[in-house]
Amino acid sequence: MKINEQAITERFVSVYYELKSQSIIDTKREFCKHILITPSNFIFLEKGERYCNIGQMCAIVNHWKVNPNWLMTGKGSMF
C-alpha cells in the first residue's frame, strides 16, 4: 500500500479549518501550539510545500480526537 503524504497533509490541514469553523480554536497560533510547530511552518503545510509528520498527526489525534483512520485513508468521519 502506497502512502499518499500529500492527501494526508491536506486532511491534516482541513482539521484546522474544521476546528476553526466550529469555534473550537480561535487562531492558527493556538492550533500550532498543540502540534508543536510555528504558524509560519504551518503555512508550508497549507501550501503543500511540506508534509505533516507522525508527531503532528499523533498530536491532533490525541488532543482533538481526530479519527486516525480518516486521517490516513480519508475513510470514515473526521472525529
C-alpha atoms as a PDB file:
ATOM      1  CA  MET A   1       0.000   0.000   0.000  1.00  0.00           C
ATOM      2  CA  LYS A   2       1.425   3.369  -1.023  1.00  0.00           C
ATOM      3  CA  ILE A   3       1.040   6.183   1.480  1.00  0.00           C
ATOM      4  CA  ASN A   4      -0.174   9.419  -0.093  1.00  0.00           C
ATOM      5  CA  GLU A   5       1.587  12.029   2.044  1.00  0.00           C
ATOM      6  CA  GLN A   6       0.023  14.908   0.135  1.00  0.00           C
ATOM      7  CA  ALA A   7      -3.535  13.662   0.764  1.00  0.00           C
ATOM      8  CA  ILE A   8      -2.780  13.041   4.445  1.00  0.00           C
ATOM      9  CA  THR A   9      -1.372  16.551   4.784  1.00  0.00           C
ATOM     10  CA  GLU A  10      -4.439  18.014   3.062  1.00  0.00           C
ATOM     11  CA  ARG A  11      -6.710  16.204   5.538  1.00  0.00           C
ATOM     12  CA  PHE A  12      -4.427  17.314   8.378  1.00  0.00           C
ATOM     13  CA  VAL A  13      -4.756  20.959   7.318  1.00  0.00           C
ATOM     14  CA  SER A  14      -8.521  20.548   6.918  1.00  0.00           C
ATOM     15  CA  VAL A  15      -8.709  19.680  10.626  1.00  0.00           C
ATOM     16  CA  TYR A  16      -7.503  23.196  11.419  1.00  0.00           C
ATOM     17  CA  TYR A  17     -10.247  24.744   9.279  1.00  0.00           C
ATOM     18  CA  GLU A  18     -12.916  22.479  10.768  1.00  0.00           C
ATOM     19  CA  LEU A  19     -11.858  23.282  14.344  1.00  0.00           C
ATOM     20  CA  LYS A  20     -11.860  26.977  13.482  1.00  0.00           C
ATOM     21  CA  SER A  21     -15.299  26.800  11.834  1.00  0.00           C
ATOM     22  CA  GLN A  22     -16.696  25.090  14.937  1.00  0.00           C
ATOM     23  CA  SER A  23     -15.076  27.765  17.164  1.00  0.00           C
ATOM     24  CA  ILE A  24     -13.099  25.081  18.997  1.00  0.00           C
ATOM     25  CA  ILE A  25      -9.958  27.102  18.318  1.00  0.00           C
ATOM     26  CA  ASP A  26      -9.652  30.804  17.599  1.00  0.00           C
ATOM     27  CA  THR A  27      -6.324  31.195  15.856  1.00  0.00           C
ATOM     28  CA  LYS A  28      -3.763  29.368  13.765  1.00  0.00           C
ATOM     29  CA  ARG A  29      -1.261  30.099  16.537  1.00  0.00           C
ATOM     30  CA  GLU A  30      -3.431  28.175  19.017  1.00  0.00           C
ATOM     31  CA  PHE A  31      -3.622  25.175  16.667  1.00  0.00           C
ATOM     32  CA  CYS A  32       0.112  25.279  16.016  1.00  0.00           C
ATOM     33  CA  LYS A  33       0.902  25.414  19.731  1.00  0.00           C
ATOM     34  CA  HIS A  34      -0.698  21.989  20.158  1.00  0.00           C
ATOM     35  CA  ILE A  35       1.120  20.417  17.194  1.00  0.00           C
ATOM     36  CA  LEU A  36       4.444  21.999  18.172  1.00  0.00           C
ATOM     37  CA  ILE A  37       5.152  23.997  15.017  1.00  0.00           C
ATOM     38  CA  THR A  38       5.224  27.690  14.249  1.00  0.00           C
ATOM     39  CA  PRO A  39       2.403  29.310  12.284  1.00  0.00           C
ATOM     40  CA  SER A  40       4.918  30.146   9.554  1.00  0.00           C
ATOM     41  CA  ASN A  41       5.808  26.451   9.219  1.00  0.00           C
ATOM     42  CA  PHE A  42       2.112  25.570   9.110  1.00  0.00           C
ATOM     43  CA  ILE A  43       1.839  27.774   6.014  1.00  0.00           C
ATOM     44  CA  PHE A  44       4.212  25.377   4.239  1.00  0.00           C
ATOM     45  CA  LEU A  45       1.783  22.552   5.050  1.00  0.00           C
ATOM     46  CA  GLU A  46      -1.149  24.604   3.768  1.00  0.00           C
ATOM     47  CA  LYS A  47       0.676  25.328   0.506  1.00  0.00           C
ATOM     48  CA  GLY A  48       1.643  21.666   0.071  1.00  0.00           C
ATOM     49  CA  GLU A  49       5.335  22.516   0.232  1.00  0.00           C
ATOM     50  CA  ARG A  50       5.892  20.173   3.191  1.00  0.00           C
ATOM     51  CA  TYR A  51       4.127  17.153   4.610  1.00  0.00           C
ATOM     52  CA  CYS A  52       2.919  16.695   8.160  1.00  0.00           C
ATOM     53  CA  ASN A  53       4.889  14.237  10.259  1.00  0.00           C
ATOM     54  CA  ILE A  54       3.854  11.413  12.551  1.00  0.00           C
ATOM     55  CA  GLY A  55       4.303  13.537  15.679  1.00  0.00           C
ATOM     56  CA  GLN A  56       1.955  16.201  14.348  1.00  0.00           C
ATOM     57  CA  MET A  57      -0.574  13.566  13.309  1.00  0.00           C
ATOM     58  CA  CYS A  58      -0.445  11.977  16.762  1.00  0.00           C
ATOM     59  CA  ALA A  59      -0.922  15.406  18.348  1.00  0.00           C
ATOM     60  CA  ILE A  60      -4.214  16.090  16.542  1.00  0.00           C
ATOM     61  CA  VAL A  61      -5.436  12.534  17.098  1.00  0.00           C
ATOM     62  CA  ASN A  62      -4.725  12.743  20.826  1.00  0.00           C
ATOM     63  CA  HIS A  63      -5.680  16.358  21.501  1.00  0.00           C
ATOM     64  CA  TRP A  64      -8.771  16.780  19.306  1.00  0.00           C
ATOM     65  CA  LYS A  65      -9.746  13.109  18.958  1.00  0.00           C
ATOM     66  CA  VAL A  66      -9.318  13.116  15.173  1.00  0.00           C
ATOM     67  CA  ASN A  67     -10.088   9.709  13.679  1.00  0.00           C
ATOM     68  CA  PRO A  68      -6.681   8.234  12.724  1.00  0.00           C
ATOM     69  CA  ASN A  69      -8.274   6.037  10.042  1.00  0.00           C
ATOM     70  CA  TRP A  70      -9.820   9.107   8.409  1.00  0.00           C
ATOM     71  CA  LEU A  71      -6.531  10.980   8.658  1.00  0.00           C
ATOM     72  CA  MET A  72      -4.568   8.200   6.958  1.00  0.00           C
ATOM     73  CA  THR A  73      -7.151   6.985   4.410  1.00  0.00           C
ATOM     74  CA  GLY A  74      -9.932   9.557   4.153  1.00  0.00           C
ATOM     75  CA  LYS A  75     -12.453   6.875   5.157  1.00  0.00           C
ATOM     76  CA  GLY A  76     -14.898   7.455   7.992  1.00  0.00           C
ATOM     77  CA  SER A  77     -15.596  10.663   9.837  1.00  0.00           C
ATOM     78  CA  MET A  78     -13.040  13.296  10.816  1.00  0.00           C
ATOM     79  CA  PHE A  79     -13.804  12.916  14.528  1.00  0.00           C
END
